[in-house]
Protein backbone atom coordinates (compact mmCIF):
# COMPACT_ATOMS: atom_id res chain seq x y z
CA MET A 1 -23.65 -13.65 17.47
CA VAL A 2 -24.00 -15.04 13.86
CA THR A 3 -20.56 -16.75 13.08
CA GLY A 4 -20.60 -15.57 9.46
CA LEU A 5 -20.67 -11.91 10.54
CA ILE A 6 -18.01 -12.11 13.17
CA ILE A 7 -15.48 -10.71 10.68
CA LEU A 8 -17.41 -7.37 10.87
CA GLU A 9 -15.91 -6.82 14.46
CA ASN A 10 -12.84 -5.77 12.65
CA PRO A 11 -12.53 -2.19 11.70
CA ILE A 12 -10.65 -2.98 8.51
CA ALA A 13 -13.42 -5.43 7.45
CA ILE A 14 -16.01 -2.50 8.12
CA SER A 15 -13.83 -0.03 6.12
CA ALA A 16 -13.76 -2.67 3.27
CA VAL A 17 -17.46 -3.08 3.43
CA ILE A 18 -17.87 0.74 3.17
CA LEU A 19 -15.71 1.06 0.25
CA ILE A 20 -17.59 -1.67 -1.71
CA PHE A 21 -20.96 0.21 -0.78
CA PHE A 22 -19.44 3.44 -2.16
CA GLY A 23 -18.15 1.53 -5.15
CA VAL A 24 -21.54 0.20 -5.91
CA PHE A 25 -23.60 3.35 -5.31
CA GLY A 26 -20.84 5.97 -6.21
CA LYS A 27 -19.87 8.14 -9.13
CA LYS A 28 -19.15 6.09 -12.24
CA GLU A 29 -15.39 7.35 -12.56
CA ILE A 30 -14.08 5.60 -9.40
CA CYS A 31 -16.92 3.15 -8.60
CA ASN A 32 -14.74 0.16 -10.08
CA ILE A 33 -11.61 1.04 -8.31
CA LEU A 34 -13.48 1.42 -4.88
CA SER A 35 -15.34 -1.81 -5.19
CA LEU A 36 -12.33 -3.73 -6.22
CA CYS A 37 -10.22 -2.31 -3.40
CA GLY A 38 -12.73 -3.06 -0.82
CA SER A 39 -13.26 -6.74 -2.28
CA VAL A 40 -9.61 -7.42 -2.20
CA ILE A 41 -9.16 -6.03 1.46
CA LEU A 42 -12.21 -8.06 2.59
CA ILE A 43 -10.91 -11.26 1.05
CA PHE A 44 -7.39 -10.71 2.46
CA ASN A 45 -8.77 -9.89 5.91
CA GLU A 46 -10.99 -13.20 5.80
CA ILE A 47 -7.82 -15.15 4.86
CA ILE A 48 -5.88 -13.69 7.78
CA TYR A 49 -8.75 -14.29 10.23
CA SER A 50 -8.99 -17.93 9.15
CA LEU A 51 -5.42 -18.47 9.66
CA PHE A 52 -5.11 -17.31 13.04
CA TRP A 53 -8.83 -17.93 14.47
CA TYR A 54 -7.66 -20.94 16.65
CA VAL A 55 -4.75 -18.97 18.01
CA MET A 56 -7.13 -16.52 19.54
CA THR A 57 -9.47 -19.07 20.70
CA ARG A 58 -7.27 -22.02 21.96
CA LYS A 59 -4.15 -19.97 22.69
CA GLU A 60 -1.70 -22.37 20.74
CA PRO A 61 1.23 -21.09 18.80
CA PHE A 62 0.65 -20.55 14.99
CA ASN A 63 0.94 -23.40 12.77
CA PHE A 64 0.10 -23.47 9.04
CA SER A 65 -0.99 -27.08 8.99
CA ASN A 66 -3.06 -26.55 11.89
CA SER A 67 -4.83 -23.55 10.10
CA ILE A 68 -5.61 -25.73 7.04
CA SER A 69 -6.87 -28.69 8.99
CA TYR A 70 -9.06 -26.68 11.23
CA ALA A 71 -10.59 -24.63 8.38
CA LYS A 72 -14.11 -25.60 7.51
CA SER A 73 -15.09 -26.43 3.98
CA GLY A 74 -17.45 -23.31 4.03
CA PHE A 75 -14.29 -21.23 4.00
CA TYR A 76 -12.75 -22.73 1.16
CA ILE A 77 -16.30 -22.47 -0.98
CA GLY A 78 -16.56 -18.82 0.05
CA LEU A 79 -13.05 -18.02 -0.81
CA ILE A 80 -13.46 -19.64 -4.43
CA ILE A 81 -16.67 -17.72 -4.91
CA SER A 82 -15.11 -14.41 -3.91
CA PHE A 83 -12.26 -14.75 -6.32
CA LYS A 84 -14.64 -15.74 -8.97
CA PHE A 85 -16.46 -12.34 -8.59
CA LEU A 86 -13.24 -10.42 -8.58
């Protein structure tokens, strides 16, 4: 599986993508609200997933410093770009 799409295995992320889709192609009255809600949910889900991914793979207890040190630079770049587009 492509590693960038692994977050889409989560039903919350799929629902956020659907909200963004309806926000982009929906009616003008609610399109901004839907796309903003979907974007915020997707960013929050990505942050949670990146903090806990090594717990799921290595079966270690959660440690915030491990989460920061194990995160790849692509996560930080993607996070900054996502916040810029909000």
